[in-house]
């Protein structure tokens, strides 16, 4: 991975943790800036993210701030799932996560992005718009729902009980055992 890609990912991760951050604070971050060369690479990466429409710069009069755009939030969420350090909890808590996704055809790109994220988070598609998983990623999808304004298009259900036949199939599919 090139250093520019590495800095871009780090910037997206940092910005995903706060609503906004001052540009001077971003450049001073220890996990980014270790030398003058790094500051140049960080600045170039930030400009590239701006040009891609993932981040924006906002001025408050005295300071300039950076924040993620709607597209940047989507990208940051997908990077969290791509991160090699993301671990699935091997100890099942006995709860099923069910996500119902219903986006119209004119929002096909969003729908496909969400399906990709669901697959990366370990969900399987049961029926067209119904996805299920034993893994505790419902908070990630609650954030996505909020960020994208998906009020009724995305429904998240966390439950302990499914019908016995479905549960038996899902135990096999996910390799989990009833607690």
Protein backbone atom coordinates (compact mmCIF):
# COMPACT_ATOMS: atom_id res chain seq x y z
CA UNK A 1 0.00 0.00 0.00
CA UNK A 2 1.41 3.43 -0.89
CA UNK A 3 2.01 5.96 1.87
CA UNK A 4 -0.63 8.25 0.32
CA UNK A 5 -3.25 5.47 0.57
CA UNK A 6 -2.09 4.75 4.11
CA UNK A 7 -2.44 8.42 5.12
CA UNK A 8 -5.82 8.64 3.42
CA UNK A 9 -7.11 5.67 5.41
CA UNK A 10 -5.72 7.11 8.64
CA UNK A 11 -7.34 10.49 7.95
CA UNK A 12 -10.71 8.84 7.25
CA UNK A 13 -10.40 6.81 10.47
CA UNK A 14 -9.56 9.90 12.55
CA UNK A 15 -12.41 11.92 11.03
CA UNK A 16 -14.87 9.05 11.61
CA UNK A 17 -14.23 9.34 15.35
CA UNK A 18 -15.37 12.98 15.67
CA UNK A 19 -17.92 15.25 13.95
CA UNK A 20 -15.07 17.58 12.90
CA UNK A 21 -11.41 18.18 13.70
CA UNK A 22 -9.29 21.29 13.15
CA UNK A 23 -6.83 20.99 10.29
CA UNK A 24 -3.96 22.03 12.58
CA UNK A 25 -4.93 19.27 15.06
CA UNK A 26 -5.09 16.75 12.21
CA UNK A 27 -1.60 17.70 11.00
CA UNK A 28 -0.23 17.49 14.54
CA UNK A 29 -1.58 14.00 15.26
CA UNK A 30 1.24 11.72 16.44
CA UNK A 31 -0.17 8.73 14.54
CA UNK A 32 0.19 10.72 11.30
CA UNK A 33 2.94 13.33 11.46
CA UNK A 34 6.42 12.13 12.28
CA UNK A 35 8.43 14.35 9.93
CA UNK A 36 8.10 17.25 7.50
CA UNK A 37 7.84 14.72 4.65
CA UNK A 38 4.84 13.17 6.38
CA UNK A 39 3.15 16.57 6.74
CA UNK A 40 3.46 17.06 2.99
CA UNK A 41 2.06 13.57 2.33
CA UNK A 42 -0.79 14.20 4.79
CA UNK A 43 -1.66 17.48 3.06
CA UNK A 44 -1.61 15.79 -0.37
CA UNK A 45 -3.75 12.91 0.94
CA UNK A 46 -6.23 15.35 2.45
CA UNK A 47 -6.51 17.24 -0.87
CA UNK A 48 -7.04 13.93 -2.69
CA UNK A 49 -9.84 13.02 -0.26
CA UNK A 50 -11.41 16.44 -0.84
CA UNK A 51 -11.25 16.01 -4.61
CA UNK A 52 -12.86 12.58 -4.25
CA UNK A 53 -15.71 14.17 -2.29
CA UNK A 54 -14.97 12.20 0.88
CA UNK A 55 -13.94 15.08 3.14
CA UNK A 56 -14.68 18.77 3.25
CA UNK A 57 -13.04 21.76 4.84
CA UNK A 58 -15.24 24.10 6.87
CA UNK A 59 -14.18 27.50 8.21
CA UNK A 60 -15.45 28.87 11.51
CA UNK A 61 -13.80 32.25 11.09
CA UNK A 62 -10.72 31.64 13.24
CA UNK A 63 -10.07 28.01 12.33
CA UNK A 64 -10.47 25.59 9.47
CA UNK A 65 -12.02 22.22 10.25
CA UNK A 66 -12.16 18.95 8.37
CA UNK A 67 -15.13 16.61 8.40
CA UNK A 68 -16.41 13.63 6.47
CA UNK A 69 -19.03 14.05 3.79
CA UNK A 70 -21.91 11.57 3.45
CA UNK A 71 -19.79 9.59 0.96
CA UNK A 72 -16.80 9.83 3.31
CA UNK A 73 -18.85 8.30 6.13
CA UNK A 74 -19.76 5.38 3.87
CA UNK A 75 -16.11 4.91 2.90
CA UNK A 76 -14.95 5.09 6.54
CA UNK A 77 -17.53 2.47 7.55
CA UNK A 78 -16.40 0.13 4.77
CA UNK A 79 -12.75 0.61 5.81
CA UNK A 80 -13.64 -0.44 9.36
CA UNK A 81 -14.92 -3.72 7.95
CA UNK A 82 -11.87 -4.14 5.67
CA UNK A 83 -9.46 -3.53 8.55
CA UNK A 84 -7.41 -6.63 9.33
CA UNK A 85 -7.77 -5.90 13.05
CA UNK A 86 -11.56 -6.28 12.94
CA UNK A 87 -12.34 -9.42 14.88
CA UNK A 88 -15.57 -11.34 15.01
CA UNK A 89 -16.37 -12.32 18.56
CA UNK A 90 -16.06 -16.12 18.60
CA UNK A 91 -18.27 -16.35 21.70
CA UNK A 92 -21.84 -16.05 20.52
CA UNK A 93 -24.02 -14.01 22.89
CA UNK A 94 -27.18 -15.89 21.89
CA UNK A 95 -28.64 -12.92 19.99
CA UNK A 96 -29.53 -12.88 16.31
CA UNK A 97 -29.11 -9.66 14.34
CA UNK A 98 -31.65 -9.31 11.54
CA UNK A 99 -31.49 -6.44 9.09
CA UNK A 100 -34.32 -5.74 6.69
CA UNK A 101 -33.13 -3.68 3.75
CA UNK A 102 -35.55 -2.17 1.26
CA UNK A 103 -34.11 0.49 -1.03
CA UNK A 104 -35.89 1.40 -4.27
CA UNK A 105 -34.34 0.86 -7.70
CA UNK A 106 -33.36 4.54 -8.00
CA UNK A 107 -31.03 4.01 -5.01
CA UNK A 108 -29.42 0.88 -6.44
CA UNK A 109 -25.83 2.03 -5.76
CA UNK A 110 -26.60 2.59 -2.07
CA UNK A 111 -28.37 -0.76 -1.89
CA UNK A 112 -25.39 -2.56 -3.44
CA UNK A 113 -22.97 -0.79 -1.07
CA UNK A 114 -25.07 -1.82 1.92
CA UNK A 115 -25.25 -5.42 0.71
CA UNK A 116 -21.47 -5.43 0.38
CA UNK A 117 -21.12 -4.12 3.95
CA UNK A 118 -23.58 -6.70 5.24
CA UNK A 119 -21.55 -9.50 3.63
CA UNK A 120 -18.28 -8.09 5.03
CA UNK A 121 -19.88 -7.98 8.50
CA UNK A 122 -20.72 -11.67 8.30
CA UNK A 123 -24.44 -11.40 7.48
CA UNK A 124 -26.09 -13.89 5.15
CA UNK A 125 -29.09 -13.13 2.99
CA UNK A 126 -32.10 -15.21 3.99
CA UNK A 127 -34.73 -13.82 1.64
CA UNK A 128 -34.25 -10.97 -0.83
CA UNK A 129 -34.18 -8.14 1.73
CA UNK A 130 -33.65 -10.03 5.00
CA UNK A 131 -30.11 -10.48 6.35
CA UNK A 132 -29.12 -12.34 9.52
CA UNK A 133 -25.99 -12.74 11.64
CA UNK A 134 -24.97 -13.80 15.14
CA UNK A 135 -22.18 -11.18 15.14
CA UNK A 136 -22.61 -7.94 17.13
CA UNK A 137 -22.38 -5.41 14.30
CA UNK A 138 -25.82 -3.87 14.81
CA UNK A 139 -24.23 -0.66 16.16
CA UNK A 140 -22.31 -0.16 12.91
CA UNK A 141 -25.56 -0.47 10.95
CA UNK A 142 -27.36 1.84 13.39
CA UNK A 143 -24.71 4.45 12.57
CA UNK A 144 -25.06 3.83 8.84
CA UNK A 145 -28.85 4.10 9.15
CA UNK A 146 -28.51 7.41 10.96
CA UNK A 147 -25.77 8.80 8.66
CA UNK A 148 -27.71 7.96 5.49
CA UNK A 149 -31.14 8.91 6.85
CA UNK A 150 -32.59 5.45 6.22
CA UNK A 151 -35.64 5.79 8.47
CA UNK A 152 -37.80 2.93 7.19
CA UNK A 153 -35.56 1.54 4.44
CA UNK A 154 -33.29 -0.22 6.94
CA UNK A 155 -34.75 -1.98 9.98
CA UNK A 156 -32.52 -3.57 12.62
CA UNK A 157 -33.87 -6.33 14.84
CA UNK A 158 -31.92 -8.00 17.65
CA UNK A 159 -33.64 -11.07 19.08
CA UNK A 160 -32.92 -14.23 21.03
CA UNK A 161 -35.60 -16.35 19.44
CA UNK A 162 -36.28 -17.55 15.93
CA UNK A 163 -38.41 -20.49 14.94
CA UNK A 164 -36.70 -23.80 15.73
CA UNK A 165 -36.18 -24.92 12.10
CA UNK A 166 -34.59 -21.62 11.04
CA UNK A 167 -32.40 -21.59 14.16
CA UNK A 168 -31.14 -25.10 13.44
CA UNK A 169 -30.16 -24.09 9.89
CA UNK A 170 -28.44 -20.93 11.13
CA UNK A 171 -26.51 -22.85 13.81
CA UNK A 172 -25.10 -25.00 11.00
CA UNK A 173 -24.46 -22.05 8.67
CA UNK A 174 -22.59 -19.95 11.25
CA UNK A 175 -21.11 -22.78 13.30
CA UNK A 176 -22.58 -21.46 16.55
CA UNK A 177 -24.25 -23.36 19.35
CA UNK A 178 -27.24 -22.44 21.45
CA UNK A 179 -26.12 -20.93 24.76
